[in-house]
Amino acid sequence: MAKPKMSLLTVTHTTVYRYRKPVRFGDHRLMFRPRDSHDLRLLDASLTISPRAEVRWLHDVFSNSIAMASFHDAAEELRLKSRIMLDHFGLDDPEFAIEPYAQTYPFSYSADEIPDLGRSAERDDPDPERKVDAWVKGFLDGGGQVRTQDLLVNITRAIHEQFAYNRRYALGTQTPVQTLELAGGTCRDLAAFMMGAVRALGLAARFVSGYLYDPATDTTLTGRANVVMGEDVRGAGDTHAWVQVYLPGAGWVEFDPTNGQVGGANLIRVAVVREPFQAVPLQGTYFGDADDFLGMEVEVHVTGG
């Protein structure tokens, strides 16, 4: 089995909202801070907010780390800057240690796991004509058994090859059927589509939001010897989204359909949720006229060291 490679990474995420005149701000909810785990060790974290805000921390229903910011002063600009430094231990195209009974599909989760997987295997988006079902069942060999890992790898890479990647900053995520009909979408849309597809096969899946490290755009590297993802990396320089699928024996496994990647070698996990709307990195309100809002800018930089 592949050994994880350790990387020291720094993520700087800056969001700026601008307004025509000073406005007051309601509470803002931030999801910028990852949780420590065996594959990610948080070394340092800072959060800078202007105008000044009172910040309290909590864990959501999925145990993600959430910051709630409360404001007192009005301003023409709201600036939020998160900086995290972490040790990252990611696997690139690993061979997963799946339990023997689940190494071929179809299989059933154990009675002990089903209650906890529950909603992660349920489909919430309508597909009355079973279009997503028809697409994903094309990966089954005449309805017979197929190797589980091969099935999921093939689905991941097919989405990368068959669907166009588009940047879209408007709120919301397409349904799996919309993504299939449009043959494209954002990383969030492609992740949601893969979730719908594997759930159609009865597998438990979760939506993951975080960051993508692309060594090819890392200005801290003096050469290109460390470039492992190739030239066509989609989703770097912004927040990124991908999927986890639960495989008995291997646990929750990372799949990035936007880039056709298996394993979390360059994926920095921040939020893990059941549905995309639960993983919005930043949300809040302001008090003013609708036309006071002039726009927003987002900059994400992921560098080594």
C-alpha atoms as a PDB file:
ATOM      1  CA  MET A   1       0.000   0.000   0.000  1.00  0.00           C
ATOM      2  CA  ALA A   2       1.263   3.499  -0.825  1.00  0.00           C
ATOM      3  CA  LYS A   3       2.847   5.437   2.035  1.00  0.00           C
ATOM      4  CA  PRO A   4       1.537   8.929   2.724  1.00  0.00           C
ATOM      5  CA  LYS A   5       3.823  11.762   1.701  1.00  0.00           C
ATOM      6  CA  MET A   6       4.225  14.551   4.212  1.00  0.00           C
ATOM      7  CA  SER A   7       3.970  18.150   3.066  1.00  0.00           C
ATOM      8  CA  LEU A   8       4.232  21.344   5.080  1.00  0.00           C
ATOM      9  CA  LEU A   9       1.581  23.635   3.578  1.00  0.00           C
ATOM     10  CA  THR A  10       0.342  27.159   4.232  1.00  0.00           C
ATOM     11  CA  VAL A  11      -3.098  28.353   3.133  1.00  0.00           C
ATOM     12  CA  THR A  12      -3.999  32.042   2.987  1.00  0.00           C
ATOM     13  CA  HIS A  13      -7.663  32.747   2.228  1.00  0.00           C
ATOM     14  CA  THR A  14      -8.754  36.383   1.888  1.00  0.00           C
ATOM     15  CA  THR A  15     -12.297  37.568   1.218  1.00  0.00           C
ATOM     16  CA  VAL A  16     -13.207  41.241   0.742  1.00  0.00           C
ATOM     17  CA  TYR A  17     -16.740  42.675   0.464  1.00  0.00           C
ATOM     18  CA  ARG A  18     -17.141  46.291  -0.696  1.00  0.00           C
ATOM     19  CA  TYR A  19     -20.137  48.614  -0.277  1.00  0.00           C
ATOM     20  CA  ARG A  20     -21.234  51.984  -1.659  1.00  0.00           C
ATOM     21  CA  LYS A  21     -21.547  53.487   1.826  1.00  0.00           C
ATOM     22  CA  PRO A  22     -20.968  52.248   5.374  1.00  0.00           C
ATOM     23  CA  VAL A  23     -23.289  49.382   6.255  1.00  0.00           C
ATOM     24  CA  ARG A  24     -23.852  47.386   9.434  1.00  0.00           C
ATOM     25  CA  PHE A  25     -23.115  43.645   9.491  1.00  0.00           C
ATOM     26  CA  GLY A  26     -25.041  40.742  10.906  1.00  0.00           C
ATOM     27  CA  ASP A  27     -23.306  37.670  12.289  1.00  0.00           C
ATOM     28  CA  HIS A  28     -21.018  35.867   9.842  1.00  0.00           C
ATOM     29  CA  ARG A  29     -20.336  32.122   9.886  1.00  0.00           C
ATOM     30  CA  LEU A  30     -16.844  31.020   8.818  1.00  0.00           C
ATOM     31  CA  MET A  31     -15.556  27.543   7.921  1.00  0.00           C
ATOM     32  CA  PHE A  32     -11.827  28.038   7.401  1.00  0.00           C
ATOM     33  CA  ARG A  33     -10.170  25.922  10.087  1.00  0.00           C
ATOM     34  CA  PRO A  34      -9.515  22.181   9.544  1.00  0.00           C
ATOM     35  CA  ARG A  35      -9.633  19.549  12.265  1.00  0.00           C
ATOM     36  CA  ASP A  36      -6.546  17.615  13.343  1.00  0.00           C
ATOM     37  CA  SER A  37      -6.462  13.996  12.217  1.00  0.00           C
ATOM     38  CA  HIS A  38      -3.956  11.257  11.369  1.00  0.00           C
ATOM     39  CA  ASP A  39      -3.520  12.753   7.877  1.00  0.00           C
ATOM     40  CA  LEU A  40      -3.582  16.445   8.812  1.00  0.00           C
ATOM     41  CA  ARG A  41      -1.903  18.201  11.724  1.00  0.00           C
ATOM     42  CA  LEU A  42      -2.754  21.868  12.254  1.00  0.00           C
ATOM     43  CA  LEU A  43       0.376  23.745  13.330  1.00  0.00           C
ATOM     44  CA  ASP A  44      -0.839  27.333  13.392  1.00  0.00           C
ATOM     45  CA  ALA A  45      -3.974  29.313  12.580  1.00  0.00           C
ATOM     46  CA  SER A  46      -4.850  32.991  12.559  1.00  0.00           C
ATOM     47  CA  LEU A  47      -7.978  34.921  11.647  1.00  0.00           C
ATOM     48  CA  THR A  48      -7.935  38.658  10.917  1.00  0.00           C
ATOM     49  CA  ILE A  49     -11.210  40.567  10.507  1.00  0.00           C
ATOM     50  CA  SER A  50     -11.830  44.245   9.705  1.00  0.00           C
ATOM     51  CA  PRO A  51     -13.864  45.988  11.021  1.00  0.00           C
ATOM     52  CA  ARG A  52     -13.194  44.504  14.456  1.00  0.00           C
ATOM     53  CA  ALA A  53     -15.382  41.546  15.398  1.00  0.00           C
ATOM     54  CA  GLU A  54     -16.005  39.379  18.418  1.00  0.00           C
ATOM     55  CA  VAL A  55     -15.343  35.745  17.486  1.00  0.00           C
ATOM     56  CA  ARG A  56     -16.645  32.634  19.194  1.00  0.00           C
ATOM     57  CA  TRP A  57     -15.921  29.050  18.169  1.00  0.00           C
ATOM     58  CA  LEU A  58     -18.189  26.020  18.010  1.00  0.00           C
ATOM     59  CA  HIS A  59     -18.504  22.587  16.438  1.00  0.00           C
ATOM     60  CA  ASP A  60     -21.404  22.003  14.069  1.00  0.00           C
ATOM     61  CA  VAL A  61     -23.491  18.820  13.898  1.00  0.00           C
ATOM     62  CA  PHE A  62     -20.684  17.147  11.905  1.00  0.00           C
ATOM     63  CA  SER A  63     -17.976  18.352  14.361  1.00  0.00           C
ATOM     64  CA  ASN A  64     -16.557  20.823  11.837  1.00  0.00           C
ATOM     65  CA  SER A  65     -14.847  23.843  13.410  1.00  0.00           C
ATOM     66  CA  ILE A  66     -16.967  26.991  12.979  1.00  0.00           C
ATOM     67  CA  ALA A  67     -16.158  30.622  13.814  1.00  0.00           C
ATOM     68  CA  MET A  68     -19.031  33.028  14.451  1.00  0.00           C
ATOM     69  CA  ALA A  69     -18.128  36.712  14.025  1.00  0.00           C
ATOM     70  CA  SER A  70     -20.262  39.491  15.548  1.00  0.00           C
ATOM     71  CA  PHE A  71     -19.774  43.147  14.539  1.00  0.00           C
ATOM     72  CA  HIS A  72     -20.455  46.491  16.196  1.00  0.00           C
ATOM     73  CA  ASP A  73     -19.086  49.043  13.707  1.00  0.00           C
ATOM     74  CA  ALA A  74     -20.384  49.995  10.263  1.00  0.00           C
ATOM     75  CA  ALA A  75     -17.921  50.054   7.351  1.00  0.00           C
ATOM     76  CA  GLU A  76     -17.626  50.362   3.571  1.00  0.00           C
ATOM     77  CA  GLU A  77     -15.433  47.253   3.440  1.00  0.00           C
ATOM     78  CA  LEU A  78     -15.484  43.889   5.194  1.00  0.00           C
ATOM     79  CA  ARG A  79     -12.184  42.015   5.039  1.00  0.00           C
ATOM     80  CA  LEU A  80     -11.617  38.510   6.407  1.00  0.00           C
ATOM     81  CA  LYS A  81      -8.244  36.794   6.187  1.00  0.00           C
ATOM     82  CA  SER A  82      -7.557  33.258   7.347  1.00  0.00           C
ATOM     83  CA  ARG A  83      -4.065  31.780   7.447  1.00  0.00           C
ATOM     84  CA  ILE A  84      -3.389  28.177   8.414  1.00  0.00           C
ATOM     85  CA  MET A  85      -0.161  26.178   8.477  1.00  0.00           C
ATOM     86  CA  LEU A  86      -0.310  22.397   8.602  1.00  0.00           C
ATOM     87  CA  ASP A  87       1.489  19.108   8.134  1.00  0.00           C
ATOM     88  CA  HIS A  88      -0.371  17.148   5.489  1.00  0.00           C
ATOM     89  CA  PHE A  89      -0.003  13.385   5.017  1.00  0.00           C
ATOM     90  CA  GLY A  90      -1.767  12.506   1.769  1.00  0.00           C
ATOM     91  CA  LEU A  91      -2.034   9.349  -0.321  1.00  0.00           C
ATOM     92  CA  ASP A  92      -1.767   9.446  -4.118  1.00  0.00           C
ATOM     93  CA  ASP A  93      -3.676   6.665  -5.952  1.00  0.00           C
ATOM     94  CA  PRO A  94      -3.587   4.256  -2.980  1.00  0.00           C
ATOM     95  CA  GLU A  95      -4.726   0.641  -2.944  1.00  0.00           C
ATOM     96  CA  PHE A  96      -7.444   0.688  -0.298  1.00  0.00           C
ATOM     97  CA  ALA A  97      -7.565  -1.995   2.418  1.00  0.00           C
ATOM     98  CA  ILE A  98     -11.207  -2.883   1.809  1.00  0.00           C
ATOM     99  CA  GLU A  99     -12.770  -5.733   3.784  1.00  0.00           C
ATOM    100  CA  PRO A 100     -12.951  -8.952   1.690  1.00  0.00           C
ATOM    101  CA  TYR A 101     -16.763  -8.942   1.563  1.00  0.00           C
ATOM    102  CA  ALA A 102     -16.781  -5.393   0.135  1.00  0.00           C
ATOM    103  CA  GLN A 103     -13.943  -5.744  -2.380  1.00  0.00           C
ATOM    104  CA  THR A 104     -16.457  -6.479  -5.122  1.00  0.00           C
ATOM    105  CA  TYR A 105     -19.685  -4.603  -5.850  1.00  0.00           C
ATOM    106  CA  PRO A 106     -22.521  -5.086  -5.044  1.00  0.00           C
ATOM    107  CA  PHE A 107     -22.125  -5.517  -1.305  1.00  0.00           C
ATOM    108  CA  SER A 108     -24.096  -4.490   1.775  1.00  0.00           C
ATOM    109  CA  TYR A 109     -22.856  -2.492   4.720  1.00  0.00           C
ATOM    110  CA  SER A 110     -22.825  -4.333   8.047  1.00  0.00           C
ATOM    111  CA  ALA A 111     -25.730  -3.997  10.455  1.00  0.00           C
ATOM    112  CA  ASP A 112     -23.432  -2.140  12.863  1.00  0.00           C
ATOM    113  CA  GLU A 113     -22.541   0.507  10.248  1.00  0.00           C
ATOM    114  CA  ILE A 114     -25.926   1.112   8.628  1.00  0.00           C
ATOM    115  CA  PRO A 115     -27.467   3.212  11.445  1.00  0.00           C
ATOM    116  CA  ASP A 116     -24.503   5.603  11.473  1.00  0.00           C
ATOM    117  CA  LEU A 117     -24.155   5.826   7.685  1.00  0.00           C
ATOM    118  CA  GLY A 118     -27.912   6.417   7.390  1.00  0.00           C
ATOM    119  CA  ARG A 119     -28.567   9.673   5.544  1.00  0.00           C
ATOM    120  CA  SER A 120     -25.153   9.576   3.827  1.00  0.00           C
ATOM    121  CA  ALA A 121     -26.518   6.856   1.565  1.00  0.00           C
ATOM    122  CA  GLU A 122     -29.851   8.556   0.872  1.00  0.00           C
ATOM    123  CA  ARG A 123     -30.560  10.545  -2.287  1.00  0.00           C
ATOM    124  CA  ASP A 124     -32.110  13.965  -1.715  1.00  0.00           C
ATOM    125  CA  ASP A 125     -32.197  15.288  -5.289  1.00  0.00           C
ATOM    126  CA  PRO A 126     -35.050  14.324  -7.631  1.00  0.00           C
ATOM    127  CA  ASP A 127     -34.279  12.145 -10.637  1.00  0.00           C
ATOM    128  CA  PRO A 128     -37.725  10.992 -11.841  1.00  0.00           C
ATOM    129  CA  GLU A 129     -36.403   9.738 -15.188  1.00  0.00           C
ATOM    130  CA  ARG A 130     -33.490   7.913 -13.524  1.00  0.00           C
ATOM    131  CA  LYS A 131     -30.934   9.687 -15.712  1.00  0.00           C
ATOM    132  CA  VAL A 132     -28.185   9.585 -13.096  1.00  0.00           C
ATOM    133  CA  ASP A 133     -28.964   5.912 -12.420  1.00  0.00           C
ATOM    134  CA  ALA A 134     -28.600   5.099 -16.103  1.00  0.00           C
ATOM    135  CA  TRP A 135     -25.270   6.962 -16.310  1.00  0.00           C
ATOM    136  CA  VAL A 136     -23.680   5.268 -13.306  1.00  0.00           C
ATOM    137  CA  LYS A 137     -24.993   1.797 -14.085  1.00  0.00           C
ATOM    138  CA  GLY A 138     -23.061   1.995 -17.328  1.00  0.00           C
ATOM    139  CA  PHE A 139     -19.993   1.242 -15.206  1.00  0.00           C
ATOM    140  CA  LEU A 140     -21.379  -2.128 -14.121  1.00  0.00           C
ATOM    141  CA  ASP A 141     -20.318  -5.076 -16.219  1.00  0.00           C
ATOM    142  CA  GLY A 142     -23.652  -6.378 -17.428  1.00  0.00           C
ATOM    143  CA  GLY A 143     -25.077  -6.204 -13.935  1.00  0.00           C
ATOM    144  CA  GLY A 144     -22.474  -8.635 -12.554  1.00  0.00           C
ATOM    145  CA  GLN A 145     -19.835  -8.093  -9.905  1.00  0.00           C
ATOM    146  CA  VAL A 146     -17.041  -5.579 -10.398  1.00  0.00           C
ATOM    147  CA  ARG A 147     -14.072  -4.686  -8.225  1.00  0.00           C
ATOM    148  CA  THR A 148     -15.273  -1.920  -5.865  1.00  0.00           C
ATOM    149  CA  GLN A 149     -12.156   0.222  -6.062  1.00  0.00           C
ATOM    150  CA  ASP A 150     -12.045  -0.031  -9.865  1.00  0.00           C
ATOM    151  CA  LEU A 151     -15.702   1.000 -10.029  1.00  0.00           C
ATOM    152  CA  LEU A 152     -15.138   4.170  -7.993  1.00  0.00           C
ATOM    153  CA  VAL A 153     -11.887   5.055  -9.761  1.00  0.00           C
ATOM    154  CA  ASN A 154     -13.597   4.689 -13.148  1.00  0.00           C
ATOM    155  CA  ILE A 155     -16.509   6.907 -12.062  1.00  0.00           C
ATOM    156  CA  THR A 156     -14.117   9.572 -10.736  1.00  0.00           C
ATOM    157  CA  ARG A 157     -12.040   9.672 -13.912  1.00  0.00           C
ATOM    158  CA  ALA A 158     -15.078   9.549 -16.203  1.00  0.00           C
ATOM    159  CA  ILE A 159     -16.518  12.692 -14.591  1.00  0.00           C
ATOM    160  CA  HIS A 160     -13.166  14.420 -15.099  1.00  0.00           C
ATOM    161  CA  GLU A 161     -13.064  13.386 -18.764  1.00  0.00           C
ATOM    162  CA  GLN A 162     -16.738  13.776 -19.734  1.00  0.00           C
ATOM    163  CA  PHE A 163     -17.720  16.959 -17.874  1.00  0.00           C
ATOM    164  CA  ALA A 164     -16.459  20.500 -18.398  1.00  0.00           C
ATOM    165  CA  TYR A 165     -15.157  22.435 -15.404  1.00  0.00           C
ATOM    166  CA  ASN A 166     -16.617  25.920 -14.981  1.00  0.00           C
ATOM    167  CA  ARG A 167     -16.020  28.589 -12.361  1.00  0.00           C
ATOM    168  CA  ARG A 168     -19.198  30.104 -10.954  1.00  0.00           C
ATOM    169  CA  TYR A 169     -19.313  32.379  -7.927  1.00  0.00           C
ATOM    170  CA  ALA A 170     -23.092  32.553  -7.527  1.00  0.00           C
ATOM    171  CA  LEU A 171     -24.489  30.769  -4.502  1.00  0.00           C
ATOM    172  CA  GLY A 172     -25.973  27.329  -4.836  1.00  0.00           C
ATOM    173  CA  THR A 173     -25.114  23.959  -6.354  1.00  0.00           C
ATOM    174  CA  GLN A 174     -26.619  22.278  -9.405  1.00  0.00           C
ATOM    175  CA  THR A 175     -28.583  19.077  -8.918  1.00  0.00           C
ATOM    176  CA  PRO A 176     -26.954  15.920 -10.283  1.00  0.00           C
ATOM    177  CA  VAL A 177     -29.503  15.857 -13.112  1.00  0.00           C
ATOM    178  CA  GLN A 178     -28.688  19.465 -14.079  1.00  0.00           C
ATOM    179  CA  THR A 179     -24.960  18.692 -14.116  1.00  0.00           C
ATOM    180  CA  LEU A 180     -25.559  15.628 -16.279  1.00  0.00           C
ATOM    181  CA  GLU A 181     -27.717  17.572 -18.749  1.00  0.00           C
ATOM    182  CA  LEU A 182     -25.240  20.479 -18.916  1.00  0.00           C
ATOM    183  CA  ALA A 183     -22.243  18.114 -19.014  1.00  0.00           C
ATOM    184  CA  GLY A 184     -20.341  20.480 -16.737  1.00  0.00           C
ATOM    185  CA  GLY A 185     -20.232  22.587 -13.614  1.00  0.00           C
ATOM    186  CA  THR A 186     -18.108  23.851 -10.768  1.00  0.00           C
ATOM    187  CA  CYS A 187     -16.129  21.576  -8.463  1.00  0.00           C
ATOM    188  CA  ARG A 188     -19.116  21.719  -6.099  1.00  0.00           C
ATOM    189  CA  ASP A 189     -21.455  20.618  -8.890  1.00  0.00           C
ATOM    190  CA  LEU A 190     -19.180  17.755  -9.961  1.00  0.00           C
ATOM    191  CA  ALA A 191     -18.769  16.590  -6.369  1.00  0.00           C
ATOM    192  CA  ALA A 192     -22.549  16.684  -5.850  1.00  0.00           C
ATOM    193  CA  PHE A 193     -23.021  14.732  -9.080  1.00  0.00           C
ATOM    194  CA  MET A 194     -20.611  12.009  -7.960  1.00  0.00           C
ATOM    195  CA  MET A 195     -22.375  11.821  -4.599  1.00  0.00           C
ATOM    196  CA  GLY A 196     -25.699  11.325  -6.361  1.00  0.00           C
ATOM    197  CA  ALA A 197     -24.188   8.697  -8.649  1.00  0.00           C
ATOM    198  CA  VAL A 198     -22.605   6.540  -5.950  1.00  0.00           C
ATOM    199  CA  ARG A 199     -25.640   6.910  -3.701  1.00  0.00           C
ATOM    200  CA  ALA A 200     -27.683   5.534  -6.615  1.00  0.00           C
ATOM    201  CA  LEU A 201     -25.527   2.423  -6.197  1.00  0.00           C
ATOM    202  CA  GLY A 202     -26.371   2.267  -2.497  1.00  0.00           C
ATOM    203  CA  LEU A 203     -23.013   3.592  -1.274  1.00  0.00           C
ATOM    204  CA  ALA A 204     -22.596   6.179   1.485  1.00  0.00           C
ATOM    205  CA  ALA A 205     -20.998   9.436   0.373  1.00  0.00           C
ATOM    206  CA  ARG A 206     -20.185  12.812   1.944  1.00  0.00           C
ATOM    207  CA  PHE A 207     -19.423  16.257   0.535  1.00  0.00           C
ATOM    208  CA  VAL A 208     -16.016  17.742   1.384  1.00  0.00           C
ATOM    209  CA  SER A 209     -14.936  21.378   1.122  1.00  0.00           C
ATOM    210  CA  GLY A 210     -11.405  22.672   1.511  1.00  0.00           C
ATOM    211  CA  TYR A 211      -8.401  23.601  -0.586  1.00  0.00           C
ATOM    212  CA  LEU A 212      -6.342  22.096  -3.397  1.00  0.00           C
ATOM    213  CA  TYR A 213      -2.559  22.357  -3.505  1.00  0.00           C
ATOM    214  CA  ASP A 214      -1.163  22.701  -7.022  1.00  0.00           C
ATOM    215  CA  PRO A 215       2.669  22.574  -6.986  1.00  0.00           C
ATOM    216  CA  ALA A 216       2.719  23.984 -10.528  1.00  0.00           C
ATOM    217  CA  THR A 217       1.490  27.352  -9.240  1.00  0.00           C
ATOM    218  CA  ASP A 218       3.541  27.352  -6.028  1.00  0.00           C
ATOM    219  CA  THR A 219       5.869  30.336  -6.246  1.00  0.00           C
ATOM    220  CA  THR A 220       7.901  28.987  -3.322  1.00  0.00           C
ATOM    221  CA  LEU A 221       9.222  26.132  -5.465  1.00  0.00           C
ATOM    222  CA  THR A 222      12.418  26.891  -7.347  1.00  0.00           C
ATOM    223  CA  GLY A 223      12.061  23.970  -9.752  1.00  0.00           C
ATOM    224  CA  ARG A 224       9.364  21.673 -11.067  1.00  0.00           C
ATOM    225  CA  ALA A 225      10.660  18.384  -9.685  1.00  0.00           C
ATOM    226  CA  ASN A 226       7.887  18.304  -7.100  1.00  0.00           C
ATOM    227  CA  VAL A 227       5.055  18.824  -9.562  1.00  0.00           C
ATOM    228  CA  VAL A 228       2.910  15.699  -9.326  1.00  0.00           C
ATOM    229  CA  MET A 229      -0.523  16.706 -10.568  1.00  0.00           C
ATOM    230  CA  GLY A 230       0.236  17.726 -14.119  1.00  0.00           C
ATOM    231  CA  GLU A 231      -0.615  20.910 -15.963  1.00  0.00           C
ATOM    232  CA  ASP A 232      -4.396  20.657 -16.085  1.00  0.00           C
ATOM    233  CA  VAL A 233      -5.265  21.141 -12.414  1.00  0.00           C
ATOM    234  CA  ARG A 234      -8.803  22.410 -11.889  1.00  0.00           C
ATOM    235  CA  GLY A 235      -9.921  24.274  -8.789  1.00  0.00           C
ATOM    236  CA  ALA A 236      -6.620  25.589  -7.421  1.00  0.00           C
ATOM    237  CA  GLY A 237      -6.579  29.234  -6.328  1.00  0.00           C
ATOM    238  CA  ASP A 238     -10.043  28.972  -4.789  1.00  0.00           C
ATOM    239  CA  THR A 239     -11.931  26.832  -2.322  1.00  0.00           C
ATOM    240  CA  HIS A 240     -12.330  23.298  -3.647  1.00  0.00           C
ATOM    241  CA  ALA A 241     -14.852  20.485  -3.249  1.00  0.00           C
ATOM    242  CA  TRP A 242     -14.669  16.715  -3.564  1.00  0.00           C
ATOM    243  CA  VAL A 243     -16.262  13.512  -2.232  1.00  0.00           C
ATOM    244  CA  GLN A 244     -15.690  10.878   0.424  1.00  0.00           C
ATOM    245  CA  VAL A 245     -17.138   7.388  -0.056  1.00  0.00           C
ATOM    246  CA  TYR A 246     -17.340   4.931   2.843  1.00  0.00           C
ATOM    247  CA  LEU A 247     -15.649   1.592   2.142  1.00  0.00           C
ATOM    248  CA  PRO A 248     -15.625  -1.048   4.905  1.00  0.00           C
ATOM    249  CA  GLY A 249     -12.077  -1.607   6.108  1.00  0.00           C
ATOM    250  CA  ALA A 250     -10.752   1.515   4.383  1.00  0.00           C
ATOM    251  CA  GLY A 251     -13.170   4.018   5.952  1.00  0.00           C
ATOM    252  CA  TRP A 252     -13.997   7.333   4.315  1.00  0.00           C
ATOM    253  CA  VAL A 253     -11.959   7.546   1.090  1.00  0.00           C
ATOM    254  CA  GLU A 254     -11.254  10.737  -0.887  1.00  0.00           C
ATOM    255  CA  PHE A 255     -12.256  11.080  -4.565  1.00  0.00           C
ATOM    256  CA  ASP A 256     -11.795  14.325  -6.530  1.00  0.00           C
ATOM    257  CA  PRO A 257     -13.937  14.043  -9.692  1.00  0.00           C
ATOM    258  CA  THR A 258     -12.984  17.547 -10.834  1.00  0.00           C
ATOM    259  CA  ASN A 259      -9.396  16.377 -11.341  1.00  0.00           C
ATOM    260  CA  GLY A 260      -9.947  12.632 -11.710  1.00  0.00           C
ATOM    261  CA  GLN A 261      -7.789  12.045  -8.618  1.00  0.00           C
ATOM    262  CA  VAL A 262      -8.071   9.253  -6.049  1.00  0.00           C
ATOM    263  CA  GLY A 263      -6.740   9.741  -2.525  1.00  0.00           C
ATOM    264  CA  GLY A 264      -6.068  12.993  -0.710  1.00  0.00           C
ATOM    265  CA  ALA A 265      -2.479  13.687  -1.769  1.00  0.00           C
ATOM    266  CA  ASN A 266      -3.076  17.386  -2.511  1.00  0.00           C
ATOM    267  CA  LEU A 267      -6.467  17.881  -0.851  1.00  0.00           C
ATOM    268  CA  ILE A 268      -6.687  19.942   2.341  1.00  0.00           C
ATOM    269  CA  ARG A 269      -9.906  18.960   4.058  1.00  0.00           C
ATOM    270  CA  VAL A 270     -11.735  21.691   6.030  1.00  0.00           C
ATOM    271  CA  ALA A 271     -15.422  20.714   6.175  1.00  0.00           C
ATOM    272  CA  VAL A 272     -17.151  17.336   5.826  1.00  0.00           C
ATOM    273  CA  VAL A 273     -20.953  17.397   5.522  1.00  0.00           C
ATOM    274  CA  ARG A 274     -23.898  15.454   4.172  1.00  0.00           C
ATOM    275  CA  GLU A 275     -25.009  17.968   1.522  1.00  0.00           C
ATOM    276  CA  PRO A 276     -23.244  20.894  -0.251  1.00  0.00           C
ATOM    277  CA  PHE A 277     -25.366  23.664   1.303  1.00  0.00           C
ATOM    278  CA  GLN A 278     -23.950  22.714   4.714  1.00  0.00           C
ATOM    279  CA  ALA A 279     -20.368  23.532   3.675  1.00  0.00           C
ATOM    280  CA  VAL A 280     -20.513  27.180   2.581  1.00  0.00           C
ATOM    281  CA  PRO A 281     -17.115  28.596   3.675  1.00  0.00           C
ATOM    282  CA  LEU A 282     -18.448  32.066   4.510  1.00  0.00           C
ATOM    283  CA  GLN A 283     -21.974  33.369   4.946  1.00  0.00           C
ATOM    284  CA  GLY A 284     -23.554  36.366   6.635  1.00  0.00           C
ATOM    285  CA  THR A 285     -25.745  39.430   6.196  1.00  0.00           C
ATOM    286  CA  TYR A 286     -25.499  43.209   6.058  1.00  0.00           C
ATOM    287  CA  PHE A 287     -28.028  45.930   6.827  1.00  0.00           C
ATOM    288  CA  GLY A 288     -28.388  48.468   4.028  1.00  0.00           C
ATOM    289  CA  ASP A 289     -29.889  48.976   0.579  1.00  0.00           C
ATOM    290  CA  ALA A 290     -29.643  46.223  -2.002  1.00  0.00           C
ATOM    291  CA  ASP A 291     -27.576  48.405  -4.342  1.00  0.00           C
ATOM    292  CA  ASP A 292     -25.067  49.224  -1.587  1.00  0.00           C
ATOM    293  CA  PHE A 293     -23.234  45.982  -2.350  1.00  0.00           C
ATOM    294  CA  LEU A 294     -20.513  46.614  -4.953  1.00  0.00           C
ATOM    295  CA  GLY A 295     -18.947  43.176  -5.135  1.00  0.00           C
ATOM    296  CA  MET A 296     -16.557  40.737  -3.542  1.00  0.00           C
ATOM    297  CA  GLU A 297     -13.046  39.454  -4.143  1.00  0.00           C
ATOM    298  CA  VAL A 298     -11.639  36.105  -3.057  1.00  0.00           C
ATOM    299  CA  GLU A 299      -7.958  35.131  -3.078  1.00  0.00           C
ATOM    300  CA  VAL A 300      -6.666  31.728  -2.041  1.00  0.00           C
ATOM    301  CA  HIS A 301      -2.969  30.893  -1.985  1.00  0.00           C
ATOM    302  CA  VAL A 302      -1.680  27.424  -1.033  1.00  0.00           C
ATOM    303  CA  THR A 303       2.099  27.173  -0.774  1.00  0.00           C
ATOM    304  CA  GLY A 304       4.647  24.731   0.527  1.00  0.00           C
ATOM    305  CA  GLY A 305       6.322  25.621   3.791  1.00  0.00           C
END
